[in-house]
Amino acid sequence: MANERNNVLYLGVTSRLLRRVAEHKAKVNKGFTSKYNCVKLVYFERFSSISDAISREKQLKNWKRKWKDSLISRHNIDWKDLSKSIGVNEKLISDLRAYVQEVTDQVRNN
């Protein structure tokens, strides 16, 4: 994930990419991506096992920024937001925000 100006990158692992990207875009989880507005999916890899994905994440987190930029640019030269290509849309983001708000309200009222 990158911010709008592509000067901040976030690396993470998930078993549900569509959901996780929507969460970042909806900013429902307070943390790094929310704080630095990392809402563009600019690169992703798929793995058949979570252990392989975690190993790759650790490898990439140890890379220099220049190497990460090069990797992204090889696959996404213009650093376009790829979220729509995996199914993330405004309705999903809106529905996710509403769901999180509903759950938050229920917790507060109990």
N, C-alpha and C. Protein backbone atom coordinates (compact mmCIF):
# COMPACT_ATOMS: atom_id res chain seq x y z
N MET A 1 0.86 -1.17 0.00
CA MET A 1 0.00 0.00 0.00
C MET A 1 0.90 1.22 0.00
N ALA A 2 0.44 2.26 -0.71
CA ALA A 2 1.18 3.51 -0.76
C ALA A 2 0.23 4.67 -0.50
N ASN A 3 0.81 5.79 -0.11
CA ASN A 3 -0.01 6.98 0.03
C ASN A 3 -0.16 7.63 -1.35
N GLU A 4 -0.90 8.70 -1.43
CA GLU A 4 -1.22 9.32 -2.72
C GLU A 4 0.03 9.79 -3.47
N ARG A 5 1.03 10.27 -2.74
CA ARG A 5 2.25 10.78 -3.38
C ARG A 5 3.33 9.71 -3.53
N ASN A 6 3.03 8.49 -3.11
CA ASN A 6 3.94 7.34 -3.22
C ASN A 6 5.24 7.51 -2.44
N ASN A 7 5.23 8.36 -1.43
CA ASN A 7 6.45 8.51 -0.64
C ASN A 7 6.41 7.74 0.68
N VAL A 8 5.28 7.06 0.95
CA VAL A 8 5.17 6.19 2.12
C VAL A 8 4.65 4.84 1.63
N LEU A 9 5.31 3.77 2.07
CA LEU A 9 4.88 2.41 1.73
C LEU A 9 4.54 1.63 2.98
N TYR A 10 3.57 0.73 2.83
CA TYR A 10 3.20 -0.19 3.90
C TYR A 10 3.22 -1.60 3.33
N LEU A 11 3.85 -2.51 4.03
CA LEU A 11 3.88 -3.93 3.66
C LEU A 11 3.13 -4.73 4.70
N GLY A 12 2.34 -5.69 4.25
CA GLY A 12 1.62 -6.53 5.19
C GLY A 12 1.24 -7.85 4.57
N VAL A 13 0.78 -8.76 5.40
CA VAL A 13 0.33 -10.08 4.98
C VAL A 13 -1.12 -10.25 5.39
N THR A 14 -1.91 -10.84 4.52
CA THR A 14 -3.30 -11.15 4.85
C THR A 14 -3.74 -12.37 4.07
N SER A 15 -4.70 -13.08 4.60
CA SER A 15 -5.29 -14.21 3.88
C SER A 15 -6.51 -13.75 3.07
N ARG A 16 -6.91 -12.48 3.26
CA ARG A 16 -8.09 -11.95 2.56
C ARG A 16 -7.78 -10.55 2.04
N LEU A 17 -7.12 -10.50 0.89
CA LEU A 17 -6.63 -9.24 0.33
C LEU A 17 -7.76 -8.24 0.08
N LEU A 18 -8.85 -8.67 -0.51
CA LEU A 18 -9.97 -7.78 -0.82
C LEU A 18 -10.46 -7.07 0.45
N ARG A 19 -10.73 -7.85 1.49
CA ARG A 19 -11.20 -7.29 2.75
C ARG A 19 -10.18 -6.34 3.36
N ARG A 20 -8.94 -6.74 3.35
CA ARG A 20 -7.89 -5.94 4.00
C ARG A 20 -7.68 -4.61 3.28
N VAL A 21 -7.68 -4.62 1.96
CA VAL A 21 -7.52 -3.37 1.20
C VAL A 21 -8.71 -2.46 1.48
N ALA A 22 -9.91 -3.03 1.51
CA ALA A 22 -11.11 -2.23 1.81
C ALA A 22 -10.99 -1.62 3.20
N GLU A 23 -10.47 -2.36 4.18
CA GLU A 23 -10.27 -1.83 5.53
C GLU A 23 -9.31 -0.64 5.51
N HIS A 24 -8.22 -0.76 4.76
CA HIS A 24 -7.26 0.35 4.67
C HIS A 24 -7.93 1.57 4.04
N LYS A 25 -8.68 1.36 2.98
CA LYS A 25 -9.34 2.47 2.29
C LYS A 25 -10.41 3.12 3.17
N ALA A 26 -11.11 2.31 3.94
CA ALA A 26 -12.16 2.82 4.84
C ALA A 26 -11.57 3.41 6.11
N LYS A 27 -10.30 3.14 6.36
CA LYS A 27 -9.60 3.63 7.55
C LYS A 27 -10.31 3.22 8.84
N VAL A 28 -10.76 1.97 8.87
CA VAL A 28 -11.47 1.49 10.05
C VAL A 28 -10.53 1.01 11.15
N ASN A 29 -9.30 0.74 10.80
CA ASN A 29 -8.31 0.33 11.80
C ASN A 29 -7.31 1.46 11.97
N LYS A 30 -7.24 1.98 13.18
CA LYS A 30 -6.29 3.07 13.43
C LYS A 30 -4.89 2.47 13.51
N GLY A 31 -4.00 3.02 12.75
CA GLY A 31 -2.63 2.52 12.73
C GLY A 31 -1.85 3.22 11.64
N PHE A 32 -0.79 2.57 11.21
CA PHE A 32 0.14 3.16 10.25
C PHE A 32 -0.54 3.61 8.96
N THR A 33 -1.32 2.72 8.34
CA THR A 33 -1.92 3.08 7.05
C THR A 33 -2.92 4.21 7.18
N SER A 34 -3.63 4.25 8.27
CA SER A 34 -4.57 5.34 8.50
C SER A 34 -3.83 6.65 8.76
N LYS A 35 -2.83 6.59 9.60
CA LYS A 35 -2.05 7.78 9.95
C LYS A 35 -1.37 8.40 8.73
N TYR A 36 -0.81 7.54 7.87
CA TYR A 36 -0.05 8.04 6.72
C TYR A 36 -0.83 7.97 5.41
N ASN A 37 -2.13 7.69 5.51
CA ASN A 37 -3.02 7.68 4.35
C ASN A 37 -2.57 6.72 3.24
N CYS A 38 -2.13 5.55 3.63
CA CYS A 38 -1.72 4.53 2.66
C CYS A 38 -2.96 3.78 2.19
N VAL A 39 -3.56 4.26 1.12
CA VAL A 39 -4.83 3.71 0.64
C VAL A 39 -4.75 3.19 -0.80
N LYS A 40 -3.58 3.24 -1.41
CA LYS A 40 -3.43 2.74 -2.79
C LYS A 40 -2.75 1.38 -2.78
N LEU A 41 -3.41 0.39 -3.36
CA LEU A 41 -2.78 -0.91 -3.54
C LEU A 41 -1.93 -0.81 -4.81
N VAL A 42 -0.62 -0.79 -4.65
CA VAL A 42 0.26 -0.62 -5.81
C VAL A 42 0.98 -1.90 -6.20
N TYR A 43 0.95 -2.91 -5.33
CA TYR A 43 1.64 -4.17 -5.62
C TYR A 43 1.14 -5.24 -4.66
N PHE A 44 1.03 -6.45 -5.15
CA PHE A 44 0.73 -7.58 -4.27
C PHE A 44 1.24 -8.85 -4.91
N GLU A 45 1.46 -9.84 -4.07
CA GLU A 45 1.87 -11.17 -4.50
C GLU A 45 0.94 -12.17 -3.83
N ARG A 46 0.71 -13.27 -4.50
CA ARG A 46 -0.13 -14.35 -3.94
C ARG A 46 0.75 -15.56 -3.64
N PHE A 47 0.43 -16.23 -2.55
CA PHE A 47 1.18 -17.41 -2.13
C PHE A 47 0.22 -18.52 -1.77
N SER A 48 0.67 -19.75 -1.91
CA SER A 48 -0.19 -20.89 -1.59
C SER A 48 -0.16 -21.21 -0.10
N SER A 49 0.84 -20.70 0.61
CA SER A 49 0.88 -20.94 2.06
C SER A 49 1.19 -19.65 2.79
N ILE A 50 0.62 -19.52 3.98
CA ILE A 50 0.84 -18.33 4.79
C ILE A 50 2.30 -18.23 5.22
N SER A 51 2.95 -19.35 5.45
CA SER A 51 4.36 -19.30 5.87
C SER A 51 5.24 -18.74 4.75
N ASP A 52 4.93 -19.08 3.51
CA ASP A 52 5.68 -18.50 2.38
C ASP A 52 5.43 -17.00 2.29
N ALA A 53 4.19 -16.58 2.52
CA ALA A 53 3.86 -15.16 2.47
C ALA A 53 4.58 -14.39 3.57
N ILE A 54 4.61 -14.94 4.76
CA ILE A 54 5.29 -14.28 5.88
C ILE A 54 6.79 -14.19 5.62
N SER A 55 7.37 -15.24 5.06
CA SER A 55 8.80 -15.21 4.72
C SER A 55 9.09 -14.11 3.71
N ARG A 56 8.23 -13.99 2.69
CA ARG A 56 8.42 -12.95 1.68
C ARG A 56 8.25 -11.56 2.29
N GLU A 57 7.26 -11.39 3.17
CA GLU A 57 7.07 -10.10 3.84
C GLU A 57 8.32 -9.71 4.62
N LYS A 58 8.88 -10.64 5.37
CA LYS A 58 10.09 -10.35 6.15
C LYS A 58 11.25 -9.97 5.23
N GLN A 59 11.35 -10.68 4.10
CA GLN A 59 12.40 -10.36 3.13
C GLN A 59 12.24 -8.94 2.61
N LEU A 60 11.03 -8.60 2.18
CA LEU A 60 10.78 -7.27 1.60
C LEU A 60 10.96 -6.16 2.63
N LYS A 61 10.59 -6.42 3.87
CA LYS A 61 10.74 -5.39 4.91
C LYS A 61 12.21 -5.07 5.17
N ASN A 62 13.10 -5.99 4.83
CA ASN A 62 14.53 -5.75 4.99
C ASN A 62 15.17 -5.11 3.76
N TRP A 63 14.41 -4.96 2.71
CA TRP A 63 14.94 -4.34 1.48
C TRP A 63 15.07 -2.83 1.64
N LYS A 64 15.99 -2.27 0.87
CA LYS A 64 16.10 -0.82 0.77
C LYS A 64 14.89 -0.28 0.01
N ARG A 65 14.54 0.95 0.29
CA ARG A 65 13.39 1.57 -0.39
C ARG A 65 13.56 1.55 -1.91
N LYS A 66 14.75 1.80 -2.37
CA LYS A 66 15.04 1.81 -3.81
C LYS A 66 14.69 0.46 -4.45
N TRP A 67 14.97 -0.62 -3.77
CA TRP A 67 14.67 -1.95 -4.30
C TRP A 67 13.16 -2.17 -4.36
N LYS A 68 12.45 -1.73 -3.32
CA LYS A 68 10.99 -1.86 -3.30
C LYS A 68 10.37 -1.05 -4.43
N ASP A 69 10.85 0.18 -4.62
CA ASP A 69 10.35 1.02 -5.71
C ASP A 69 10.55 0.34 -7.07
N SER A 70 11.69 -0.26 -7.25
CA SER A 70 12.00 -0.95 -8.51
C SER A 70 11.06 -2.14 -8.72
N LEU A 71 10.83 -2.91 -7.67
CA LEU A 71 9.92 -4.06 -7.76
C LEU A 71 8.51 -3.60 -8.16
N ILE A 72 8.02 -2.58 -7.50
CA ILE A 72 6.68 -2.06 -7.81
C ILE A 72 6.63 -1.55 -9.25
N SER A 73 7.63 -0.78 -9.63
CA SER A 73 7.64 -0.19 -10.98
C SER A 73 7.72 -1.23 -12.09
N ARG A 74 8.38 -2.35 -11.83
CA ARG A 74 8.45 -3.42 -12.84
C ARG A 74 7.07 -3.99 -13.14
N HIS A 75 6.18 -3.99 -12.14
CA HIS A 75 4.85 -4.59 -12.29
C HIS A 75 3.75 -3.55 -12.46
N ASN A 76 4.01 -2.33 -12.04
CA ASN A 76 2.99 -1.27 -12.05
C ASN A 76 3.72 0.06 -12.30
N ILE A 77 4.11 0.26 -13.55
CA ILE A 77 5.00 1.37 -13.91
C ILE A 77 4.49 2.73 -13.47
N ASP A 78 3.18 2.95 -13.51
CA ASP A 78 2.60 4.24 -13.13
C ASP A 78 2.13 4.29 -11.68
N TRP A 79 2.35 3.24 -10.94
CA TRP A 79 1.94 3.14 -9.55
C TRP A 79 0.44 3.42 -9.41
N LYS A 80 -0.33 2.84 -10.30
CA LYS A 80 -1.79 3.00 -10.25
C LYS A 80 -2.36 2.18 -9.11
N ASP A 81 -3.50 2.61 -8.61
CA ASP A 81 -4.20 1.87 -7.56
C ASP A 81 -4.82 0.62 -8.18
N LEU A 82 -4.41 -0.54 -7.72
CA LEU A 82 -4.86 -1.82 -8.27
C LEU A 82 -6.07 -2.38 -7.54
N SER A 83 -6.61 -1.65 -6.59
CA SER A 83 -7.68 -2.19 -5.76
C SER A 83 -8.92 -2.58 -6.56
N LYS A 84 -9.28 -1.81 -7.57
CA LYS A 84 -10.46 -2.16 -8.37
C LYS A 84 -10.26 -3.47 -9.11
N SER A 85 -9.02 -3.76 -9.48
CA SER A 85 -8.73 -5.00 -10.22
C SER A 85 -8.97 -6.25 -9.38
N ILE A 86 -9.00 -6.10 -8.05
CA ILE A 86 -9.27 -7.25 -7.18
C ILE A 86 -10.69 -7.21 -6.62
N GLY A 87 -11.47 -6.18 -7.00
CA GLY A 87 -12.87 -6.14 -6.59
C GLY A 87 -13.25 -5.11 -5.54
N VAL A 88 -12.31 -4.30 -5.10
CA VAL A 88 -12.63 -3.26 -4.12
C VAL A 88 -13.33 -2.11 -4.85
N ASN A 89 -14.47 -1.70 -4.30
CA ASN A 89 -15.21 -0.58 -4.90
C ASN A 89 -15.80 0.28 -3.78
N GLU A 90 -16.39 1.40 -4.17
CA GLU A 90 -16.92 2.34 -3.17
C GLU A 90 -18.04 1.73 -2.33
N LYS A 91 -18.86 0.88 -2.91
CA LYS A 91 -19.95 0.25 -2.14
C LYS A 91 -19.37 -0.65 -1.04
N LEU A 92 -18.38 -1.43 -1.39
CA LEU A 92 -17.75 -2.30 -0.39
C LEU A 92 -17.14 -1.47 0.74
N ILE A 93 -16.46 -0.39 0.39
CA ILE A 93 -15.84 0.47 1.40
C ILE A 93 -16.91 1.10 2.28
N SER A 94 -17.96 1.60 1.68
CA SER A 94 -19.07 2.21 2.42
C SER A 94 -19.75 1.19 3.32
N ASP A 95 -20.03 0.01 2.80
CA ASP A 95 -20.65 -1.05 3.60
C ASP A 95 -19.78 -1.45 4.77
N LEU A 96 -18.48 -1.51 4.55
CA LEU A 96 -17.54 -1.87 5.61
C LEU A 96 -17.54 -0.81 6.71
N ARG A 97 -17.51 0.46 6.32
CA ARG A 97 -17.58 1.55 7.31
C ARG A 97 -18.85 1.45 8.14
N ALA A 98 -19.99 1.22 7.46
CA ALA A 98 -21.28 1.12 8.15
C ALA A 98 -21.28 -0.06 9.12
N TYR A 99 -20.74 -1.20 8.69
CA TYR A 99 -20.69 -2.38 9.54
C TYR A 99 -19.84 -2.12 10.78
N VAL A 100 -18.68 -1.53 10.58
CA VAL A 100 -17.79 -1.24 11.72
C VAL A 100 -18.47 -0.26 12.67
N GLN A 101 -19.14 0.73 12.14
CA GLN A 101 -19.86 1.69 12.99
C GLN A 101 -20.97 1.01 13.78
N GLU A 102 -21.69 0.11 13.12
CA GLU A 102 -22.78 -0.63 13.80
C GLU A 102 -22.23 -1.47 14.94
N VAL A 103 -21.15 -2.18 14.69
CA VAL A 103 -20.55 -3.02 15.73
C VAL A 103 -20.04 -2.15 16.87
N THR A 104 -19.40 -1.03 16.53
CA THR A 104 -18.89 -0.11 17.55
C THR A 104 -20.04 0.42 18.42
N ASP A 105 -21.14 0.79 17.78
CA ASP A 105 -22.31 1.29 18.52
C ASP A 105 -22.88 0.22 19.44
N GLN A 106 -22.95 -1.03 18.96
CA GLN A 106 -23.46 -2.12 19.78
C GLN A 106 -22.59 -2.35 21.00
N VAL A 107 -21.28 -2.30 20.81
CA VAL A 107 -20.36 -2.50 21.93
C VAL A 107 -20.53 -1.38 22.96
N ARG A 108 -20.67 -0.16 22.50
CA ARG A 108 -20.83 0.98 23.41
C ARG A 108 -22.14 0.88 24.18
N ASN A 109 -23.18 0.35 23.55
CA ASN A 109 -24.49 0.28 24.19
C ASN A 109 -24.68 -0.92 25.09
N ASN A 110 -23.73 -1.81 25.12
CA ASN A 110 -23.84 -2.99 25.99
C ASN A 110 -22.99 -2.90 27.22
